C-alpha atoms as a PDB file:
ATOM      1  CA  UNK A   1       0.000   0.000   0.000  1.00  0.00           C
ATOM      2  CA  UNK A   2       2.849   2.394   0.817  1.00  0.00           C
ATOM      3  CA  UNK A   3       4.335   1.765  -2.629  1.00  0.00           C
ATOM      4  CA  UNK A   4       1.079   2.846  -4.294  1.00  0.00           C
ATOM      5  CA  UNK A   5       0.962   6.029  -2.236  1.00  0.00           C
ATOM      6  CA  UNK A   6       4.551   6.864  -3.151  1.00  0.00           C
ATOM      7  CA  UNK A   7       3.899   6.169  -6.831  1.00  0.00           C
ATOM      8  CA  UNK A   8       0.794   8.353  -6.805  1.00  0.00           C
ATOM      9  CA  UNK A   9       2.690  11.161  -5.092  1.00  0.00           C
ATOM     10  CA  UNK A  10       5.492  10.984  -7.679  1.00  0.00           C
ATOM     11  CA  UNK A  11       2.966  11.093 -10.529  1.00  0.00           C
ATOM     12  CA  UNK A  12       1.195  14.117  -9.039  1.00  0.00           C
ATOM     13  CA  UNK A  13       4.472  15.983  -8.521  1.00  0.00           C
ATOM     14  CA  UNK A  14       5.576  15.260 -12.097  1.00  0.00           C
ATOM     15  CA  UNK A  15       2.232  16.463 -13.459  1.00  0.00           C
ATOM     16  CA  UNK A  16       2.550  19.684 -11.477  1.00  0.00           C
ATOM     17  CA  UNK A  17       6.062  20.239 -12.821  1.00  0.00           C
ATOM     18  CA  UNK A  18       4.956  19.601 -16.400  1.00  0.00           C
ATOM     19  CA  UNK A  19       2.041  22.003 -16.024  1.00  0.00           C
ATOM     20  CA  UNK A  20       4.291  24.684 -14.523  1.00  0.00           C
ATOM     21  CA  UNK A  21       6.828  24.254 -17.324  1.00  0.00           C
ATOM     22  CA  UNK A  22       4.124  24.474 -19.988  1.00  0.00           C
ATOM     23  CA  UNK A  23       2.652  27.639 -18.484  1.00  0.00           C
ATOM     24  CA  UNK A  24       6.099  29.208 -18.013  1.00  0.00           C
ATOM     25  CA  UNK A  25       7.048  28.425 -21.610  1.00  0.00           C
ATOM     26  CA  UNK A  26       3.806  29.984 -22.841  1.00  0.00           C
ATOM     27  CA  UNK A  27       4.519  33.162 -20.871  1.00  0.00           C
ATOM     28  CA  UNK A  28       7.984  33.632 -22.351  1.00  0.00           C
ATOM     29  CA  UNK A  29       6.817  36.278 -24.853  1.00  0.00           C
ATOM     30  CA  UNK A  30       7.300  40.015 -24.415  1.00  0.00           C
ATOM     31  CA  UNK A  31       5.753  41.453 -21.275  1.00  0.00           C
ATOM     32  CA  UNK A  32       2.911  43.934 -21.538  1.00  0.00           C
ATOM     33  CA  UNK A  33       2.961  46.892 -19.211  1.00  0.00           C
ATOM     34  CA  UNK A  34       0.524  46.168 -16.390  1.00  0.00           C
ATOM     35  CA  UNK A  35      -1.118  48.098 -13.628  1.00  0.00           C
ATOM     36  CA  UNK A  36      -0.156  45.674 -10.863  1.00  0.00           C
ATOM     37  CA  UNK A  37       2.784  46.190  -8.504  1.00  0.00           C
ATOM     38  CA  UNK A  38       2.565  43.271  -6.042  1.00  0.00           C
ATOM     39  CA  UNK A  39       1.697  39.847  -7.447  1.00  0.00           C
ATOM     40  CA  UNK A  40       1.375  36.238  -6.354  1.00  0.00           C
ATOM     41  CA  UNK A  41       1.878  33.293  -8.697  1.00  0.00           C
ATOM     42  CA  UNK A  42      -0.211  30.144  -8.352  1.00  0.00           C
ATOM     43  CA  UNK A  43       1.375  27.523 -10.634  1.00  0.00           C
ATOM     44  CA  UNK A  44       2.225  30.137 -13.243  1.00  0.00           C
ATOM     45  CA  UNK A  45      -1.099  32.010 -13.051  1.00  0.00           C
ATOM     46  CA  UNK A  46      -0.745  35.465 -11.516  1.00  0.00           C
ATOM     47  CA  UNK A  47      -3.068  37.410  -9.221  1.00  0.00           C
ATOM     48  CA  UNK A  48      -2.581  41.013  -8.168  1.00  0.00           C
ATOM     49  CA  UNK A  49      -2.141  41.854  -4.471  1.00  0.00           C
ATOM     50  CA  UNK A  50      -2.301  45.657  -4.751  1.00  0.00           C
ATOM     51  CA  UNK A  51      -4.637  47.424  -2.318  1.00  0.00           C
ATOM     52  CA  UNK A  52      -6.884  49.899  -4.113  1.00  0.00           C
ATOM     53  CA  UNK A  53      -9.345  52.576  -3.033  1.00  0.00           C
ATOM     54  CA  UNK A  54     -11.858  50.897  -5.364  1.00  0.00           C
ATOM     55  CA  UNK A  55     -11.773  48.000  -7.810  1.00  0.00           C
ATOM     56  CA  UNK A  56     -11.924  48.584 -11.546  1.00  0.00           C
ATOM     57  CA  UNK A  57     -15.293  48.058 -13.223  1.00  0.00           C
ATOM     58  CA  UNK A  58     -13.782  45.081 -15.087  1.00  0.00           C
ATOM     59  CA  UNK A  59     -12.893  43.266 -11.840  1.00  0.00           C
ATOM     60  CA  UNK A  60     -15.136  40.245 -11.315  1.00  0.00           C
ATOM     61  CA  UNK A  61     -13.845  39.246  -7.859  1.00  0.00           C
ATOM     62  CA  UNK A  62     -13.381  42.385  -5.735  1.00  0.00           C
ATOM     63  CA  UNK A  63     -12.592  41.642  -2.073  1.00  0.00           C
ATOM     64  CA  UNK A  64     -12.744  44.246   0.732  1.00  0.00           C
ATOM     65  CA  UNK A  65      -9.631  44.333   2.926  1.00  0.00           C
ATOM     66  CA  UNK A  66      -9.654  45.996   6.335  1.00  0.00           C
ATOM     67  CA  UNK A  67      -6.579  48.123   7.000  1.00  0.00           C
ATOM     68  CA  UNK A  68      -5.219  48.809  10.469  1.00  0.00           C
ATOM     69  CA  UNK A  69      -6.345  52.447  10.277  1.00  0.00           C
ATOM     70  CA  UNK A  70     -10.073  51.673  10.205  1.00  0.00           C
ATOM     71  CA  UNK A  71     -10.310  52.256   6.465  1.00  0.00           C
ATOM     72  CA  UNK A  72     -11.345  49.633   3.950  1.00  0.00           C
ATOM     73  CA  UNK A  73      -9.377  49.062   0.762  1.00  0.00           C
ATOM     74  CA  UNK A  74     -10.087  46.590  -2.012  1.00  0.00           C
ATOM     75  CA  UNK A  75      -8.164  43.863  -3.792  1.00  0.00           C
ATOM     76  CA  UNK A  76      -9.127  42.468  -7.205  1.00  0.00           C
ATOM     77  CA  UNK A  77      -8.571  38.688  -7.057  1.00  0.00           C
ATOM     78  CA  UNK A  78      -9.033  38.093 -10.810  1.00  0.00           C
ATOM     79  CA  UNK A  79      -6.183  36.406 -12.647  1.00  0.00           C
ATOM     80  CA  UNK A  80      -3.948  38.728 -14.643  1.00  0.00           C
ATOM     81  CA  UNK A  81      -4.042  38.449 -18.451  1.00  0.00           C
ATOM     82  CA  UNK A  82      -1.524  36.153 -20.141  1.00  0.00           C
ATOM     83  CA  UNK A  83       1.965  37.644 -20.743  1.00  0.00           C
ATOM     84  CA  UNK A  84       1.234  40.300 -18.142  1.00  0.00           C
ATOM     85  CA  UNK A  85       3.663  40.144 -15.230  1.00  0.00           C
ATOM     86  CA  UNK A  86       4.180  42.519 -12.360  1.00  0.00           C
ATOM     87  CA  UNK A  87       6.028  45.797 -12.486  1.00  0.00           C
ATOM     88  CA  UNK A  88       9.698  45.482 -11.623  1.00  0.00           C
ATOM     89  CA  UNK A  89      10.496  47.156  -8.290  1.00  0.00           C
END
């Protein structure tokens, strides 16, 4: 039974690596200039972590974020378009 679990784990890890490599290869083109400054990558798919005073009208998943100063800011959790990375700091 342990052998099956190990084999399954190896297969899942290899699939994740192949998917990451395929997405990374697809994103190798020229970068577009984007509006996002702080990003997080989830297996090659990027989301923006910038805090905004309001989300853009095109944002489908706008999440309110409470700041320590009693104010509320917003974060758009949509995925960024392909070939659109973060600004270089």
